[in-house]
Amino acid sequence: MKKHLEKNRKNIEEELFAAILTVRDRRECRAFFEDICTPAEIEAMADRWQVAKLLVRGMPYREISEKTGVSLATVTRVARFLFNGNSGYKTVIERMENKS
């Protein structure tokens, strides 16, 4: 991050999270993320999301890697955050399962 922004990093991040929370529907969400992220960044996030859902279902790491084309290192990284992170993946996965 640029030196003059380092001091305000947390404030800038909080503003970004607040901006995301203003998104009203999937169309707005897609438009926002397509504007703020590169296609590769969106693809990487979608890959990690798919991996997290498969991990919750108990699928073995190697099988997830083969099924998704994601590296074993990425599967391991997602698992680390899923099981020992801030509960972000778990919270959203549970909410989506309850919504279905």
PDB file of N, CA and C in Angstrom:
ATOM      1  N   MET A   1       0.846  -1.173   0.000  1.00  0.00           N
ATOM      2  CA  MET A   1       0.000   0.000   0.000  1.00  0.00           C
ATOM      3  C   MET A   1       0.895   1.240   0.000  1.00  0.00           C
ATOM      4  N   LYS A   2       0.457   2.283  -0.644  1.00  0.00           N
ATOM      5  CA  LYS A   2       1.232   3.511  -0.736  1.00  0.00           C
ATOM      6  C   LYS A   2       1.459   4.101   0.659  1.00  0.00           C
ATOM      7  N   LYS A   3       2.651   4.673   0.871  1.00  0.00           N
ATOM      8  CA  LYS A   3       3.030   5.172   2.194  1.00  0.00           C
ATOM      9  C   LYS A   3       2.009   6.141   2.780  1.00  0.00           C
ATOM     10  N   HIS A   4       1.509   7.063   1.972  1.00  0.00           N
ATOM     11  CA  HIS A   4       0.589   8.059   2.524  1.00  0.00           C
ATOM     12  C   HIS A   4      -0.763   7.452   2.907  1.00  0.00           C
ATOM     13  N   LEU A   5      -1.048   6.231   2.469  1.00  0.00           N
ATOM     14  CA  LEU A   5      -2.302   5.576   2.820  1.00  0.00           C
ATOM     15  C   LEU A   5      -2.163   4.603   3.984  1.00  0.00           C
ATOM     16  N   GLU A   6      -0.920   4.226   4.329  1.00  0.00           N
ATOM     17  CA  GLU A   6      -0.706   3.224   5.364  1.00  0.00           C
ATOM     18  C   GLU A   6      -1.368   3.600   6.677  1.00  0.00           C
ATOM     19  N   LYS A   7      -1.289   4.865   7.077  1.00  0.00           N
ATOM     20  CA  LYS A   7      -1.863   5.314   8.341  1.00  0.00           C
ATOM     21  C   LYS A   7      -3.373   5.126   8.357  1.00  0.00           C
ATOM     22  N   ASN A   8      -3.989   5.311   7.219  1.00  0.00           N
ATOM     23  CA  ASN A   8      -5.445   5.253   7.138  1.00  0.00           C
ATOM     24  C   ASN A   8      -5.966   3.907   6.641  1.00  0.00           C
ATOM     25  N   ARG A   9      -5.102   2.903   6.564  1.00  0.00           N
ATOM     26  CA  ARG A   9      -5.483   1.610   5.990  1.00  0.00           C
ATOM     27  C   ARG A   9      -6.741   1.040   6.631  1.00  0.00           C
ATOM     28  N   LYS A  10      -6.800   0.987   7.947  1.00  0.00           N
ATOM     29  CA  LYS A  10      -7.966   0.420   8.632  1.00  0.00           C
ATOM     30  C   LYS A  10      -9.222   1.213   8.298  1.00  0.00           C
ATOM     31  N   ASN A  11      -9.119   2.528   8.267  1.00  0.00           N
ATOM     32  CA  ASN A  11     -10.278   3.361   7.936  1.00  0.00           C
ATOM     33  C   ASN A  11     -10.745   3.114   6.506  1.00  0.00           C
ATOM     34  N   ILE A  12      -9.788   2.968   5.610  1.00  0.00           N
ATOM     35  CA  ILE A  12     -10.111   2.715   4.212  1.00  0.00           C
ATOM     36  C   ILE A  12     -10.772   1.345   4.072  1.00  0.00           C
ATOM     37  N   GLU A  13     -10.236   0.342   4.776  1.00  0.00           N
ATOM     38  CA  GLU A  13     -10.838  -0.987   4.744  1.00  0.00           C
ATOM     39  C   GLU A  13     -12.258  -0.952   5.302  1.00  0.00           C
ATOM     40  N   GLU A  14     -12.450  -0.265   6.424  1.00  0.00           N
ATOM     41  CA  GLU A  14     -13.790  -0.166   7.020  1.00  0.00           C
ATOM     42  C   GLU A  14     -14.766   0.514   6.064  1.00  0.00           C
ATOM     43  N   GLU A  15     -14.290   1.520   5.352  1.00  0.00           N
ATOM     44  CA  GLU A  15     -15.135   2.192   4.367  1.00  0.00           C
ATOM     45  C   GLU A  15     -15.497   1.247   3.228  1.00  0.00           C
ATOM     46  N   LEU A  16     -14.539   0.431   2.795  1.00  0.00           N
ATOM     47  CA  LEU A  16     -14.809  -0.553   1.749  1.00  0.00           C
ATOM     48  C   LEU A  16     -15.875  -1.538   2.218  1.00  0.00           C
ATOM     49  N   PHE A  17     -15.728  -2.064   3.436  1.00  0.00           N
ATOM     50  CA  PHE A  17     -16.710  -3.026   3.957  1.00  0.00           C
ATOM     51  C   PHE A  17     -18.087  -2.375   4.073  1.00  0.00           C
ATOM     52  N   ALA A  18     -18.128  -1.120   4.501  1.00  0.00           N
ATOM     53  CA  ALA A  18     -19.403  -0.398   4.584  1.00  0.00           C
ATOM     54  C   ALA A  18     -20.003  -0.226   3.188  1.00  0.00           C
ATOM     55  N   ALA A  19     -19.158   0.046   2.200  1.00  0.00           N
ATOM     56  CA  ALA A  19     -19.646   0.194   0.821  1.00  0.00           C
ATOM     57  C   ALA A  19     -20.252  -1.113   0.334  1.00  0.00           C
ATOM     58  N   ILE A  20     -19.605  -2.233   0.632  1.00  0.00           N
ATOM     59  CA  ILE A  20     -20.128  -3.538   0.218  1.00  0.00           C
ATOM     60  C   ILE A  20     -21.495  -3.783   0.851  1.00  0.00           C
ATOM     61  N   LEU A  21     -21.646  -3.367   2.097  1.00  0.00           N
ATOM     62  CA  LEU A  21     -22.929  -3.573   2.786  1.00  0.00           C
ATOM     63  C   LEU A  21     -24.070  -2.731   2.208  1.00  0.00           C
ATOM     64  N   THR A  22     -23.759  -1.759   1.357  1.00  0.00           N
ATOM     65  CA  THR A  22     -24.828  -0.966   0.731  1.00  0.00           C
ATOM     66  C   THR A  22     -25.385  -1.617  -0.528  1.00  0.00           C
ATOM     67  N   VAL A  23     -24.720  -2.664  -1.007  1.00  0.00           N
ATOM     68  CA  VAL A  23     -25.169  -3.362  -2.212  1.00  0.00           C
ATOM     69  C   VAL A  23     -26.552  -3.958  -1.944  1.00  0.00           C
ATOM     70  N   ARG A  24     -27.486  -3.739  -2.874  1.00  0.00           N
ATOM     71  CA  ARG A  24     -28.880  -4.129  -2.625  1.00  0.00           C
ATOM     72  C   ARG A  24     -29.300  -5.458  -3.225  1.00  0.00           C
ATOM     73  N   ASP A  25     -28.649  -5.875  -4.314  1.00  0.00           N
ATOM     74  CA  ASP A  25     -29.064  -7.126  -4.948  1.00  0.00           C
ATOM     75  C   ASP A  25     -27.890  -7.708  -5.734  1.00  0.00           C
ATOM     76  N   ARG A  26     -28.131  -8.882  -6.334  1.00  0.00           N
ATOM     77  CA  ARG A  26     -27.041  -9.555  -7.055  1.00  0.00           C
ATOM     78  C   ARG A  26     -26.528  -8.740  -8.231  1.00  0.00           C
ATOM     79  N   ARG A  27     -27.420  -8.063  -8.939  1.00  0.00           N
ATOM     80  CA  ARG A  27     -26.990  -7.255 -10.079  1.00  0.00           C
ATOM     81  C   ARG A  27     -26.021  -6.170  -9.614  1.00  0.00           C
ATOM     82  N   GLU A  28     -26.373  -5.456  -8.550  1.00  0.00           N
ATOM     83  CA  GLU A  28     -25.489  -4.415  -8.015  1.00  0.00           C
ATOM     84  C   GLU A  28     -24.188  -5.030  -7.492  1.00  0.00           C
ATOM     85  N   CYS A  29     -24.301  -6.188  -6.860  1.00  0.00           N
ATOM     86  CA  CYS A  29     -23.121  -6.862  -6.320  1.00  0.00           C
ATOM     87  C   CYS A  29     -22.154  -7.223  -7.441  1.00  0.00           C
ATOM     88  N   ARG A  30     -22.687  -7.833  -8.499  1.00  0.00           N
ATOM     89  CA  ARG A  30     -21.842  -8.204  -9.639  1.00  0.00           C
ATOM     90  C   ARG A  30     -21.206  -6.957 -10.248  1.00  0.00           C
ATOM     91  N   ALA A  31     -21.978  -5.898 -10.438  1.00  0.00           N
ATOM     92  CA  ALA A  31     -21.447  -4.666 -11.035  1.00  0.00           C
ATOM     93  C   ALA A  31     -20.333  -4.074 -10.174  1.00  0.00           C
ATOM     94  N   PHE A  32     -20.558  -4.042  -8.864  1.00  0.00           N
ATOM     95  CA  PHE A  32     -19.549  -3.490  -7.961  1.00  0.00           C
ATOM     96  C   PHE A  32     -18.263  -4.305  -8.020  1.00  0.00           C
ATOM     97  N   PHE A  33     -18.387  -5.627  -7.895  1.00  0.00           N
ATOM     98  CA  PHE A  33     -17.189  -6.463  -7.891  1.00  0.00           C
ATOM     99  C   PHE A  33     -16.499  -6.483  -9.248  1.00  0.00           C
ATOM    100  N   GLU A  34     -17.249  -6.409 -10.328  1.00  0.00           N
ATOM    101  CA  GLU A  34     -16.609  -6.355 -11.644  1.00  0.00           C
ATOM    102  C   GLU A  34     -15.876  -5.041 -11.851  1.00  0.00           C
ATOM    103  N   ASP A  35     -16.327  -3.984 -11.179  1.00  0.00           N
ATOM    104  CA  ASP A  35     -15.624  -2.705 -11.263  1.00  0.00           C
ATOM    105  C   ASP A  35     -14.395  -2.667 -10.360  1.00  0.00           C
ATOM    106  N   ILE A  36     -14.488  -3.261  -9.186  1.00  0.00           N
ATOM    107  CA  ILE A  36     -13.411  -3.116  -8.197  1.00  0.00           C
ATOM    108  C   ILE A  36     -12.357  -4.216  -8.307  1.00  0.00           C
ATOM    109  N   CYS A  37     -12.706  -5.350  -8.906  1.00  0.00           N
ATOM    110  CA  CYS A  37     -11.776  -6.483  -9.010  1.00  0.00           C
ATOM    111  C   CYS A  37     -11.459  -6.790 -10.466  1.00  0.00           C
ATOM    112  N   THR A  38     -10.307  -7.385 -10.670  1.00  0.00           N
ATOM    113  CA  THR A  38      -9.999  -7.896 -11.995  1.00  0.00           C
ATOM    114  C   THR A  38     -10.743  -9.213 -12.184  1.00  0.00           C
ATOM    115  N   PRO A  39     -10.924  -9.657 -13.430  1.00  0.00           N
ATOM    116  CA  PRO A  39     -11.541 -10.974 -13.639  1.00  0.00           C
ATOM    117  C   PRO A  39     -10.792 -12.095 -12.902  1.00  0.00           C
ATOM    118  N   ALA A  40      -9.472 -12.010 -12.850  1.00  0.00           N
ATOM    119  CA  ALA A  40      -8.680 -13.028 -12.151  1.00  0.00           C
ATOM    120  C   ALA A  40      -8.954 -13.012 -10.646  1.00  0.00           C
ATOM    121  N   GLU A  41      -9.139 -11.836 -10.077  1.00  0.00           N
ATOM    122  CA  GLU A  41      -9.447 -11.741  -8.643  1.00  0.00           C
ATOM    123  C   GLU A  41     -10.820 -12.338  -8.341  1.00  0.00           C
ATOM    124  N   ILE A  42     -11.786 -12.065  -9.184  1.00  0.00           N
ATOM    125  CA  ILE A  42     -13.123 -12.645  -8.995  1.00  0.00           C
ATOM    126  C   ILE A  42     -13.050 -14.157  -9.129  1.00  0.00           C
ATOM    127  N   GLU A  43     -12.311 -14.638 -10.118  1.00  0.00           N
ATOM    128  CA  GLU A  43     -12.155 -16.074 -10.314  1.00  0.00           C
ATOM    129  C   GLU A  43     -11.505 -16.714  -9.089  1.00  0.00           C
ATOM    130  N   ALA A  44     -10.479 -16.076  -8.539  1.00  0.00           N
ATOM    131  CA  ALA A  44      -9.793 -16.615  -7.353  1.00  0.00           C
ATOM    132  C   ALA A  44     -10.734 -16.661  -6.158  1.00  0.00           C
ATOM    133  N   MET A  45     -11.535 -15.628  -5.978  1.00  0.00           N
ATOM    134  CA  MET A  45     -12.498 -15.629  -4.871  1.00  0.00           C
ATOM    135  C   MET A  45     -13.548 -16.712  -5.067  1.00  0.00           C
ATOM    136  N   ALA A  46     -14.031 -16.875  -6.286  1.00  0.00           N
ATOM    137  CA  ALA A  46     -15.018 -17.920  -6.573  1.00  0.00           C
ATOM    138  C   ALA A  46     -14.420 -19.301  -6.331  1.00  0.00           C
ATOM    139  N   ASP A  47     -13.162 -19.480  -6.716  1.00  0.00           N
ATOM    140  CA  ASP A  47     -12.482 -20.759  -6.465  1.00  0.00           C
ATOM    141  C   ASP A  47     -12.405 -21.039  -4.972  1.00  0.00           C
ATOM    142  N   ARG A  48     -11.992 -20.033  -4.187  1.00  0.00           N
ATOM    143  CA  ARG A  48     -11.867 -20.221  -2.741  1.00  0.00           C
ATOM    144  C   ARG A  48     -13.227 -20.511  -2.110  1.00  0.00           C
ATOM    145  N   TRP A  49     -14.272 -19.860  -2.604  1.00  0.00           N
ATOM    146  CA  TRP A  49     -15.616 -20.098  -2.099  1.00  0.00           C
ATOM    147  C   TRP A  49     -16.042 -21.542  -2.369  1.00  0.00           C
ATOM    148  N   GLN A  50     -15.794 -22.020  -3.583  1.00  0.00           N
ATOM    149  CA  GLN A  50     -16.139 -23.398  -3.929  1.00  0.00           C
ATOM    150  C   GLN A  50     -15.366 -24.377  -3.053  1.00  0.00           C
ATOM    151  N   VAL A  51     -14.098 -24.116  -2.835  1.00  0.00           N
ATOM    152  CA  VAL A  51     -13.268 -24.972  -1.996  1.00  0.00           C
ATOM    153  C   VAL A  51     -13.818 -25.007  -0.566  1.00  0.00           C
ATOM    154  N   ALA A  52     -14.171 -23.865  -0.022  1.00  0.00           N
ATOM    155  CA  ALA A  52     -14.701 -23.806   1.346  1.00  0.00           C
ATOM    156  C   ALA A  52     -15.965 -24.650   1.473  1.00  0.00           C
ATOM    157  N   LYS A  53     -16.855 -24.551   0.506  1.00  0.00           N
ATOM    158  CA  LYS A  53     -18.097 -25.334   0.566  1.00  0.00           C
ATOM    159  C   LYS A  53     -17.811 -26.831   0.507  1.00  0.00           C
ATOM    160  N   LEU A  54     -16.850 -27.237  -0.310  1.00  0.00           N
ATOM    161  CA  LEU A  54     -16.502 -28.654  -0.407  1.00  0.00           C
ATOM    162  C   LEU A  54     -15.815 -29.144   0.870  1.00  0.00           C
ATOM    163  N   LEU A  55     -15.008 -28.311   1.479  1.00  0.00           N
ATOM    164  CA  LEU A  55     -14.363 -28.674   2.733  1.00  0.00           C
ATOM    165  C   LEU A  55     -15.394 -28.890   3.837  1.00  0.00           C
ATOM    166  N   VAL A  56     -16.387 -28.027   3.893  1.00  0.00           N
ATOM    167  CA  VAL A  56     -17.444 -28.164   4.901  1.00  0.00           C
ATOM    168  C   VAL A  56     -18.179 -29.486   4.725  1.00  0.00           C
ATOM    169  N   ARG A  57     -18.311 -29.924   3.494  1.00  0.00           N
ATOM    170  CA  ARG A  57     -18.969 -31.213   3.219  1.00  0.00           C
ATOM    171  C   ARG A  57     -18.075 -32.405   3.544  1.00  0.00           C
ATOM    172  N   GLY A  58     -16.819 -32.139   3.881  1.00  0.00           N
ATOM    173  CA  GLY A  58     -15.910 -33.206   4.283  1.00  0.00           C
ATOM    174  C   GLY A  58     -15.138 -33.855   3.153  1.00  0.00           C
ATOM    175  N   MET A  59     -15.136 -33.224   1.975  1.00  0.00           N
ATOM    176  CA  MET A  59     -14.402 -33.799   0.851  1.00  0.00           C
ATOM    177  C   MET A  59     -12.896 -33.711   1.125  1.00  0.00           C
ATOM    178  N   PRO A  60     -12.147 -34.749   0.799  1.00  0.00           N
ATOM    179  CA  PRO A  60     -10.689 -34.735   0.996  1.00  0.00           C
ATOM    180  C   PRO A  60     -10.006 -33.646   0.146  1.00  0.00           C
ATOM    181  N   TYR A  61      -8.918 -33.116   0.697  1.00  0.00           N
ATOM    182  CA  TYR A  61      -8.189 -32.027   0.046  1.00  0.00           C
ATOM    183  C   TYR A  61      -7.803 -32.364  -1.392  1.00  0.00           C
ATOM    184  N   ARG A  62      -7.194 -33.509  -1.584  1.00  0.00           N
ATOM    185  CA  ARG A  62      -6.712 -33.887  -2.917  1.00  0.00           C
ATOM    186  C   ARG A  62      -7.874 -33.979  -3.904  1.00  0.00           C
ATOM    187  N   GLU A  63      -8.983 -34.523  -3.454  1.00  0.00           N
ATOM    188  CA  GLU A  63     -10.161 -34.639  -4.319  1.00  0.00           C
ATOM    189  C   GLU A  63     -10.702 -33.254  -4.696  1.00  0.00           C
ATOM    190  N   ILE A  64     -10.684 -32.345  -3.739  1.00  0.00           N
ATOM    191  CA  ILE A  64     -11.114 -30.968  -4.021  1.00  0.00           C
ATOM    192  C   ILE A  64     -10.204 -30.345  -5.072  1.00  0.00           C
ATOM    193  N   SER A  65      -8.905 -30.540  -4.896  1.00  0.00           N
ATOM    194  CA  SER A  65      -7.941 -29.993  -5.847  1.00  0.00           C
ATOM    195  C   SER A  65      -8.194 -30.530  -7.252  1.00  0.00           C
ATOM    196  N   GLU A  66      -8.419 -31.830  -7.349  1.00  0.00           N
ATOM    197  CA  GLU A  66      -8.670 -32.444  -8.657  1.00  0.00           C
ATOM    198  C   GLU A  66      -9.996 -31.974  -9.252  1.00  0.00           C
ATOM    199  N   LYS A  67     -11.027 -31.879  -8.423  1.00  0.00           N
ATOM    200  CA  LYS A  67     -12.361 -31.493  -8.899  1.00  0.00           C
ATOM    201  C   LYS A  67     -12.416 -30.031  -9.366  1.00  0.00           C
ATOM    202  N   THR A  68     -11.709 -29.150  -8.655  1.00  0.00           N
ATOM    203  CA  THR A  68     -11.807 -27.716  -8.930  1.00  0.00           C
ATOM    204  C   THR A  68     -10.681 -27.168  -9.794  1.00  0.00           C
ATOM    205  N   GLY A  69      -9.563 -27.894  -9.851  1.00  0.00           N
ATOM    206  CA  GLY A  69      -8.398 -27.383 -10.571  1.00  0.00           C
ATOM    207  C   GLY A  69      -7.589 -26.396  -9.748  1.00  0.00           C
ATOM    208  N   VAL A  70      -7.949 -26.248  -8.481  1.00  0.00           N
ATOM    209  CA  VAL A  70      -7.246 -25.353  -7.569  1.00  0.00           C
ATOM    210  C   VAL A  70      -6.072 -26.115  -6.975  1.00  0.00           C
ATOM    211  N   SER A  71      -4.972 -25.436  -6.746  1.00  0.00           N
ATOM    212  CA  SER A  71      -3.790 -26.109  -6.195  1.00  0.00           C
ATOM    213  C   SER A  71      -4.067 -26.630  -4.788  1.00  0.00           C
ATOM    214  N   LEU A  72      -3.332 -27.666  -4.427  1.00  0.00           N
ATOM    215  CA  LEU A  72      -3.441 -28.231  -3.085  1.00  0.00           C
ATOM    216  C   LEU A  72      -3.067 -27.178  -2.036  1.00  0.00           C
ATOM    217  N   ALA A  73      -2.134 -26.308  -2.371  1.00  0.00           N
ATOM    218  CA  ALA A  73      -1.740 -25.227  -1.454  1.00  0.00           C
ATOM    219  C   ALA A  73      -2.911 -24.290  -1.183  1.00  0.00           C
ATOM    220  N   THR A  74      -3.699 -23.982  -2.218  1.00  0.00           N
ATOM    221  CA  THR A  74      -4.868 -23.112  -2.039  1.00  0.00           C
ATOM    222  C   THR A  74      -5.927 -23.814  -1.196  1.00  0.00           C
ATOM    223  N   VAL A  75      -6.142 -25.095  -1.447  1.00  0.00           N
ATOM    224  CA  VAL A  75      -7.112 -25.854  -0.645  1.00  0.00           C
ATOM    225  C   VAL A  75      -6.692 -25.816   0.823  1.00  0.00           C
ATOM    226  N   THR A  76      -5.421 -26.027   1.078  1.00  0.00           N
ATOM    227  CA  THR A  76      -4.901 -26.016   2.449  1.00  0.00           C
ATOM    228  C   THR A  76      -5.067 -24.645   3.084  1.00  0.00           C
ATOM    229  N   ARG A  77      -4.801 -23.601   2.321  1.00  0.00           N
ATOM    230  CA  ARG A  77      -4.932 -22.226   2.827  1.00  0.00           C
ATOM    231  C   ARG A  77      -6.387 -21.927   3.178  1.00  0.00           C
ATOM    232  N   VAL A  78      -7.315 -22.309   2.300  1.00  0.00           N
ATOM    233  CA  VAL A  78      -8.739 -22.089   2.574  1.00  0.00           C
ATOM    234  C   VAL A  78      -9.145 -22.869   3.824  1.00  0.00           C
ATOM    235  N   ALA A  79      -8.682 -24.102   3.929  1.00  0.00           N
ATOM    236  CA  ALA A  79      -9.012 -24.932   5.099  1.00  0.00           C
ATOM    237  C   ALA A  79      -8.514 -24.280   6.385  1.00  0.00           C
ATOM    238  N   ARG A  80      -7.326 -23.735   6.345  1.00  0.00           N
ATOM    239  CA  ARG A  80      -6.773 -23.074   7.533  1.00  0.00           C
ATOM    240  C   ARG A  80      -7.690 -21.943   7.991  1.00  0.00           C
ATOM    241  N   PHE A  81      -8.159 -21.129   7.055  1.00  0.00           N
ATOM    242  CA  PHE A  81      -9.045 -20.027   7.426  1.00  0.00           C
ATOM    243  C   PHE A  81     -10.444 -20.519   7.780  1.00  0.00           C
ATOM    244  N   LEU A  82     -10.908 -21.542   7.102  1.00  0.00           N
ATOM    245  CA  LEU A  82     -12.229 -22.094   7.383  1.00  0.00           C
ATOM    246  C   LEU A  82     -12.295 -22.639   8.809  1.00  0.00           C
ATOM    247  N   PHE A  83     -11.262 -23.363   9.209  1.00  0.00           N
ATOM    248  CA  PHE A  83     -11.287 -24.037  10.505  1.00  0.00           C
ATOM    249  C   PHE A  83     -10.617 -23.260  11.632  1.00  0.00           C
ATOM    250  N   ASN A  84      -9.754 -22.297  11.289  1.00  0.00           N
ATOM    251  CA  ASN A  84      -9.023 -21.559  12.335  1.00  0.00           C
ATOM    252  C   ASN A  84      -9.015 -20.049  12.101  1.00  0.00           C
ATOM    253  N   GLY A  85      -9.854 -19.561  11.223  1.00  0.00           N
ATOM    254  CA  GLY A  85      -9.850 -18.138  10.892  1.00  0.00           C
ATOM    255  C   GLY A  85     -10.835 -17.343  11.740  1.00  0.00           C
ATOM    256  N   ASN A  86     -11.469 -16.394  11.122  1.00  0.00           N
ATOM    257  CA  ASN A  86     -12.383 -15.482  11.803  1.00  0.00           C
ATOM    258  C   ASN A  86     -13.839 -15.911  11.708  1.00  0.00           C
ATOM    259  N   SER A  87     -14.081 -17.114  11.245  1.00  0.00           N
ATOM    260  CA  SER A  87     -15.428 -17.684  11.078  1.00  0.00           C
ATOM    261  C   SER A  87     -16.222 -17.028   9.946  1.00  0.00           C
ATOM    262  N   GLY A  88     -15.553 -16.295   9.097  1.00  0.00           N
ATOM    263  CA  GLY A  88     -16.243 -15.659   7.978  1.00  0.00           C
ATOM    264  C   GLY A  88     -16.860 -16.664   7.024  1.00  0.00           C
ATOM    265  N   TYR A  89     -16.049 -17.626   6.592  1.00  0.00           N
ATOM    266  CA  TYR A  89     -16.578 -18.665   5.699  1.00  0.00           C
ATOM    267  C   TYR A  89     -17.741 -19.381   6.364  1.00  0.00           C
ATOM    268  N   LYS A  90     -17.532 -19.850   7.602  1.00  0.00           N
ATOM    269  CA  LYS A  90     -18.545 -20.641   8.300  1.00  0.00           C
ATOM    270  C   LYS A  90     -19.851 -19.879   8.445  1.00  0.00           C
ATOM    271  N   THR A  91     -19.771 -18.627   8.839  1.00  0.00           N
ATOM    272  CA  THR A  91     -20.970 -17.811   9.044  1.00  0.00           C
ATOM    273  C   THR A  91     -21.779 -17.701   7.764  1.00  0.00           C
ATOM    274  N   VAL A  92     -21.114 -17.385   6.677  1.00  0.00           N
ATOM    275  CA  VAL A  92     -21.825 -17.178   5.414  1.00  0.00           C
ATOM    276  C   VAL A  92     -22.345 -18.504   4.858  1.00  0.00           C
ATOM    277  N   ILE A  93     -21.561 -19.567   4.957  1.00  0.00           N
ATOM    278  CA  ILE A  93     -22.013 -20.867   4.477  1.00  0.00           C
ATOM    279  C   ILE A  93     -23.266 -21.305   5.251  1.00  0.00           C
ATOM    280  N   GLU A  94     -23.231 -21.149   6.578  1.00  0.00           N
ATOM    281  CA  GLU A  94     -24.398 -21.508   7.392  1.00  0.00           C
ATOM    282  C   GLU A  94     -25.623 -20.691   7.009  1.00  0.00           C
ATOM    283  N   ARG A  95     -25.441 -19.401   6.818  1.00  0.00           N
ATOM    284  CA  ARG A  95     -26.570 -18.534   6.429  1.00  0.00           C
ATOM    285  C   ARG A  95     -27.151 -18.947   5.087  1.00  0.00           C
ATOM    286  N   MET A  96     -26.273 -19.288   4.159  1.00  0.00           N
ATOM    287  CA  MET A  96     -26.758 -19.693   2.835  1.00  0.00           C
ATOM    288  C   MET A  96     -27.465 -21.038   2.901  1.00  0.00           C
ATOM    289  N   GLU A  97     -26.973 -21.951   3.730  1.00  0.00           N
ATOM    290  CA  GLU A  97     -27.639 -23.239   3.883  1.00  0.00           C
ATOM    291  C   GLU A  97     -29.013 -23.068   4.534  1.00  0.00           C
ATOM    292  N   ASN A  98     -29.115 -22.171   5.518  1.00  0.00           N
ATOM    293  CA  ASN A  98     -30.392 -21.912   6.174  1.00  0.00           C
ATOM    294  C   ASN A  98     -31.390 -21.222   5.265  1.00  0.00           C
ATOM    295  N   LYS A  99     -30.865 -20.473   4.299  1.00  0.00           N
ATOM    296  CA  LYS A  99     -31.710 -19.757   3.332  1.00  0.00           C
ATOM    297  C   LYS A  99     -32.344 -20.714   2.325  1.00  0.00           C
ATOM    298  N   SER A 100     -31.665 -21.832   2.047  1.00  0.00           N
ATOM    299  CA  SER A 100     -32.133 -22.783   1.046  1.00  0.00           C
ATOM    300  C   SER A 100     -33.313 -23.585   1.525  1.00  0.00           C
TER     301      SER A 100
END
